[in-house]
Amino acid sequence: MTGETVDCFNCGRPNPEWAQVCRSCGVPIRPAKAGPASSDRIPTDQTSLLSIAAALGTILVAVIIGLFIAGLNPTDPSVGLATPTPEPTVEVTPEPSVAPSIAPPTATPEPTPVPLPATVVFGTTLDENRQVLDPTETFTPSMTFAHSISSSEPFGSDLIGEAVVRLNEDGTDGETIVNQAQNQLGVDPAATSIGFVAGPASNFIRDWGPGVYVLRVYVGDTLIGEGTFRLAEG
């Protein structure tokens, strides 16, 4: 080996005389001058050995760097990932169906009673206008039984009927004692009041017995007024 160099015609870099290709760009080198080829295939000069060692070192460093980068960027996405903890399933308890409220049936209102046009008052004596002077609702045998009728409108008939009915303890009608067909009283059709003295209360107590009674006044079949009284033995 003479240590002479040959410049690469491609990149211009110097190469050993024995080099077949450029050590920098790898292009085959044309010999600069004709001469006997070197019989040594393995270079032994210091420059060539350093070049070869530098090339091997560069390759080794590249391999190490590649392995390091590959460790930082794993191809398997599952490596290093934490397994997610499954969330507990929340069971929703259905709310009970609320039955539609049913309003209680509305009670049918009781009809408001229409006030009767006439008022019956009981007592023992009458004044000059035939109206009761001393009102009372309880009669004993020693008392006189009288009553007066006052109407807000004329009687409109020359007869009025009276019915007396004994009441049961619960206030319902009991046996009829006197009905209107048996007790017709003459009146002035244009009058609005009238009074009657029936006689000793002892007669009614004897015939009907003690108890509570209602006297109802009619014009024809129409009830125009009523009043309640009591017969007592003493």
Protein backbone atom coordinates (compact mmCIF):
# COMPACT_ATOMS: atom_id res chain seq x y z
CA MET A 1 0.00 0.00 0.00
CA THR A 2 1.45 3.35 -1.04
CA GLY A 3 -1.16 5.54 0.83
CA GLU A 4 -2.15 7.39 -2.31
CA THR A 5 -5.75 8.61 -2.67
CA VAL A 6 -8.20 8.83 -5.52
CA ASP A 7 -10.74 11.67 -5.74
CA CYS A 8 -14.40 10.59 -6.40
CA PHE A 9 -15.54 12.00 -9.72
CA ASN A 10 -19.12 12.33 -8.28
CA CYS A 11 -18.62 14.07 -4.94
CA GLY A 12 -14.92 14.95 -5.09
CA ARG A 13 -14.10 13.28 -1.81
CA PRO A 14 -10.66 11.55 -1.52
CA ASN A 15 -10.72 7.76 -1.24
CA PRO A 16 -7.88 5.22 -0.81
CA GLU A 17 -6.25 4.09 -3.98
CA TRP A 18 -7.62 0.56 -3.54
CA ALA A 19 -11.27 1.68 -2.94
CA GLN A 20 -13.72 0.34 -5.55
CA VAL A 21 -16.57 2.70 -4.54
CA CYS A 22 -16.63 6.11 -2.88
CA ARG A 23 -16.85 5.84 0.88
CA SER A 24 -19.00 8.99 0.93
CA CYS A 25 -21.55 8.60 -1.89
CA GLY A 26 -21.05 4.90 -2.90
CA VAL A 27 -20.47 5.63 -6.59
CA PRO A 28 -17.90 3.31 -8.30
CA ILE A 29 -14.55 5.03 -8.60
CA ARG A 30 -12.75 5.18 -11.90
CA PRO A 31 -9.12 4.76 -11.43
CA ALA A 32 -7.29 8.02 -12.08
CA LYS A 33 -4.48 6.22 -13.72
CA ALA A 34 -3.79 2.81 -15.07
CA GLY A 35 -1.68 0.55 -12.98
CA PRO A 36 -1.55 -2.85 -11.45
CA ALA A 37 -4.46 -3.58 -9.14
CA SER A 38 -3.70 -4.13 -5.49
CA SER A 39 -3.71 -7.73 -4.40
CA ASP A 40 -4.82 -6.83 -0.86
CA ARG A 41 -8.65 -7.06 -0.42
CA ILE A 42 -8.69 -6.02 3.25
CA PRO A 43 -7.36 -2.51 3.93
CA THR A 44 -4.76 -2.28 6.62
CA ASP A 45 -3.94 1.40 6.63
CA GLN A 46 -4.91 3.47 9.67
CA THR A 47 -7.15 5.89 7.77
CA SER A 48 -9.28 3.12 6.30
CA LEU A 49 -9.61 1.31 9.58
CA LEU A 50 -10.72 4.54 11.32
CA SER A 51 -13.26 5.18 8.57
CA ILE A 52 -14.67 1.67 8.89
CA ALA A 53 -14.84 1.95 12.67
CA ALA A 54 -16.61 5.33 12.41
CA ALA A 55 -19.14 3.88 9.98
CA LEU A 56 -19.84 0.90 12.26
CA GLY A 57 -20.15 3.21 15.27
CA THR A 58 -22.63 5.39 13.40
CA ILE A 59 -24.74 2.34 12.51
CA LEU A 60 -24.66 1.05 16.12
CA VAL A 61 -25.70 4.43 17.49
CA ALA A 62 -28.55 4.58 14.95
CA VAL A 63 -29.74 1.10 16.01
CA ILE A 64 -29.66 2.04 19.71
CA ILE A 65 -31.54 5.29 19.08
CA GLY A 66 -34.12 3.38 17.02
CA LEU A 67 -34.70 0.86 19.80
CA PHE A 68 -35.06 3.65 22.35
CA ILE A 69 -37.61 5.52 20.23
CA ALA A 70 -39.52 2.30 19.64
CA GLY A 71 -39.71 1.81 23.42
CA LEU A 72 -41.15 5.31 23.83
CA ASN A 73 -43.83 4.75 21.14
CA PRO A 74 -45.19 1.21 21.49
CA THR A 75 -47.17 -0.04 18.55
CA ASP A 76 -49.56 -1.99 20.76
CA PRO A 77 -52.06 0.59 22.10
CA SER A 78 -53.10 -1.74 24.88
CA VAL A 79 -49.68 -1.75 26.55
CA GLY A 80 -49.55 0.44 29.64
CA LEU A 81 -53.24 1.37 29.52
CA ALA A 82 -55.19 0.91 32.72
CA THR A 83 -58.17 -1.42 32.48
CA PRO A 84 -61.28 0.73 33.05
CA THR A 85 -63.34 -0.24 36.08
CA PRO A 86 -66.89 -1.01 34.99
CA GLU A 87 -69.46 1.41 36.37
CA PRO A 88 -72.19 -0.23 38.49
CA THR A 89 -75.50 -0.54 36.68
CA VAL A 90 -78.09 1.70 38.28
CA GLU A 91 -81.48 0.00 38.48
CA VAL A 92 -84.35 2.44 38.28
CA THR A 93 -87.34 1.33 40.32
CA PRO A 94 -90.49 2.37 38.48
CA GLU A 95 -92.73 4.65 40.44
CA PRO A 96 -96.14 3.16 41.19
CA SER A 97 -98.82 4.46 38.94
CA VAL A 98 -101.01 6.93 40.70
CA ALA A 99 -104.62 6.08 40.14
CA PRO A 100 -106.62 9.11 39.12
CA SER A 101 -108.58 10.40 42.04
CA ILE A 102 -112.29 9.99 41.64
CA ALA A 103 -114.24 12.84 43.06
CA PRO A 104 -117.07 11.72 45.29
CA PRO A 105 -120.46 12.18 43.75
CA THR A 106 -121.85 15.57 44.40
CA ALA A 107 -124.79 15.36 46.70
CA THR A 108 -127.98 16.62 45.20
CA PRO A 109 -128.88 19.72 47.15
CA GLU A 110 -132.15 19.58 48.97
CA PRO A 111 -134.69 21.92 47.48
CA THR A 112 -135.15 25.06 49.53
CA PRO A 113 -138.65 24.97 50.98
CA VAL A 114 -140.87 27.74 49.72
CA PRO A 115 -142.30 29.68 52.68
CA LEU A 116 -146.04 29.41 53.01
CA PRO A 117 -148.00 32.64 52.63
CA ALA A 118 -150.00 32.20 55.87
CA THR A 119 -148.91 32.03 59.54
CA VAL A 120 -150.84 30.19 62.26
CA VAL A 121 -150.60 31.50 65.86
CA PHE A 122 -152.14 29.70 68.89
CA GLY A 123 -153.46 31.31 72.10
CA THR A 124 -156.43 31.52 74.50
CA THR A 125 -158.18 34.79 73.45
CA LEU A 126 -158.64 37.02 70.38
CA ASP A 127 -158.65 40.81 70.01
CA GLU A 128 -161.22 42.87 68.12
CA ASN A 129 -159.42 42.07 64.85
CA ARG A 130 -159.68 38.38 65.64
CA GLN A 131 -155.93 38.02 66.27
CA VAL A 132 -154.42 36.04 69.19
CA LEU A 133 -153.67 38.20 72.25
CA ASP A 134 -151.70 35.76 74.41
CA PRO A 135 -149.73 33.36 72.18
CA THR A 136 -148.94 29.89 73.52
CA GLU A 137 -148.21 26.52 72.01
CA THR A 138 -149.10 24.33 75.03
CA PHE A 139 -152.65 23.78 76.22
CA THR A 140 -153.90 22.15 79.47
CA PRO A 141 -157.50 21.14 80.28
CA SER A 142 -158.29 24.46 82.01
CA MET A 143 -157.31 26.60 78.99
CA THR A 144 -159.33 27.80 76.00
CA PHE A 145 -158.07 26.74 72.59
CA ALA A 146 -157.95 29.58 70.01
CA HIS A 147 -155.90 30.34 66.93
CA SER A 148 -155.53 33.04 64.26
CA ILE A 149 -154.43 32.87 60.62
CA SER A 150 -152.59 35.77 58.90
CA SER A 151 -151.82 35.61 55.16
CA SER A 152 -149.57 37.78 53.01
CA GLU A 153 -152.26 37.72 50.29
CA PRO A 154 -156.05 37.52 50.31
CA PHE A 155 -157.54 34.09 50.87
CA GLY A 156 -159.30 34.25 47.50
CA SER A 157 -162.03 31.86 48.65
CA ASP A 158 -165.00 31.98 50.97
CA LEU A 159 -163.98 28.69 52.62
CA ILE A 160 -160.75 27.51 54.18
CA GLY A 161 -160.10 23.99 55.40
CA GLU A 162 -158.21 22.90 58.51
CA ALA A 163 -156.58 19.52 59.16
CA VAL A 164 -155.10 18.53 62.53
CA VAL A 165 -152.51 15.75 62.50
CA ARG A 166 -150.82 14.09 65.47
CA LEU A 167 -147.01 13.91 65.08
CA ASN A 168 -144.90 10.90 65.95
CA GLU A 169 -141.92 11.23 68.28
CA ASP A 170 -139.56 11.54 65.28
CA GLY A 171 -141.61 14.44 63.88
CA THR A 172 -143.33 12.49 61.12
CA ASP A 173 -147.08 12.54 60.61
CA GLY A 174 -149.14 10.08 62.58
CA GLU A 175 -152.86 9.43 62.49
CA THR A 176 -155.00 12.20 61.02
CA ILE A 177 -157.47 13.45 63.66
CA VAL A 178 -159.43 16.05 61.65
CA ASN A 179 -159.12 16.44 57.87
CA GLN A 180 -159.92 19.47 55.80
CA ALA A 181 -163.12 17.99 54.33
CA GLN A 182 -164.61 17.78 57.83
CA ASN A 183 -163.61 21.26 59.03
CA GLN A 184 -164.52 23.92 56.47
CA LEU A 185 -164.63 27.49 57.83
CA GLY A 186 -166.25 30.47 56.14
CA VAL A 187 -164.04 33.52 55.44
CA ASP A 188 -164.08 36.74 53.42
CA PRO A 189 -162.27 36.02 50.12
CA ALA A 190 -160.68 39.52 50.24
CA ALA A 191 -159.50 39.13 53.84
CA THR A 192 -155.92 38.34 54.82
CA SER A 193 -156.54 37.35 58.45
CA ILE A 194 -159.08 35.40 60.49
CA GLY A 195 -159.30 33.94 64.01
CA PHE A 196 -161.30 31.21 65.73
CA VAL A 197 -162.03 30.21 69.32
CA ALA A 198 -162.48 26.44 69.26
CA GLY A 199 -163.49 25.89 72.89
CA PRO A 200 -162.04 24.27 76.02
CA ALA A 201 -158.74 22.51 75.44
CA SER A 202 -160.01 19.71 77.68
CA ASN A 203 -162.30 18.55 74.87
CA PHE A 204 -159.33 18.03 72.51
CA ILE A 205 -157.28 16.36 75.21
CA ARG A 206 -160.18 13.99 75.92
CA ASP A 207 -160.83 13.19 72.23
CA TRP A 208 -157.27 13.17 70.86
CA GLY A 209 -155.07 12.58 73.89
CA PRO A 210 -151.91 14.41 75.01
CA GLY A 211 -149.22 14.90 72.39
CA VAL A 212 -147.82 17.21 69.72
CA TYR A 213 -150.07 18.21 66.82
CA VAL A 214 -149.81 20.24 63.63
CA LEU A 215 -152.71 22.31 62.28
CA ARG A 216 -152.58 22.82 58.49
CA VAL A 217 -154.67 25.42 56.66
CA TYR A 218 -155.84 24.87 53.06
CA VAL A 219 -157.58 26.83 50.37
CA GLY A 220 -159.07 24.10 48.29
CA ASP A 221 -156.27 21.53 48.01
CA THR A 222 -153.47 24.10 48.41
CA LEU A 223 -151.62 24.30 51.73
CA ILE A 224 -151.21 27.96 52.69
CA GLY A 225 -149.96 27.72 56.29
CA GLU A 226 -149.39 25.52 59.33
CA GLY A 227 -148.55 25.68 63.05
CA THR A 228 -147.60 23.23 65.82
CA PHE A 229 -149.16 23.00 69.30
CA ARG A 230 -149.07 20.62 72.29
CA LEU A 231 -151.88 19.15 74.37
CA ALA A 232 -150.95 18.27 77.96
CA GLU A 233 -152.92 16.74 80.84
CA GLY A 234 -151.87 19.30 83.40
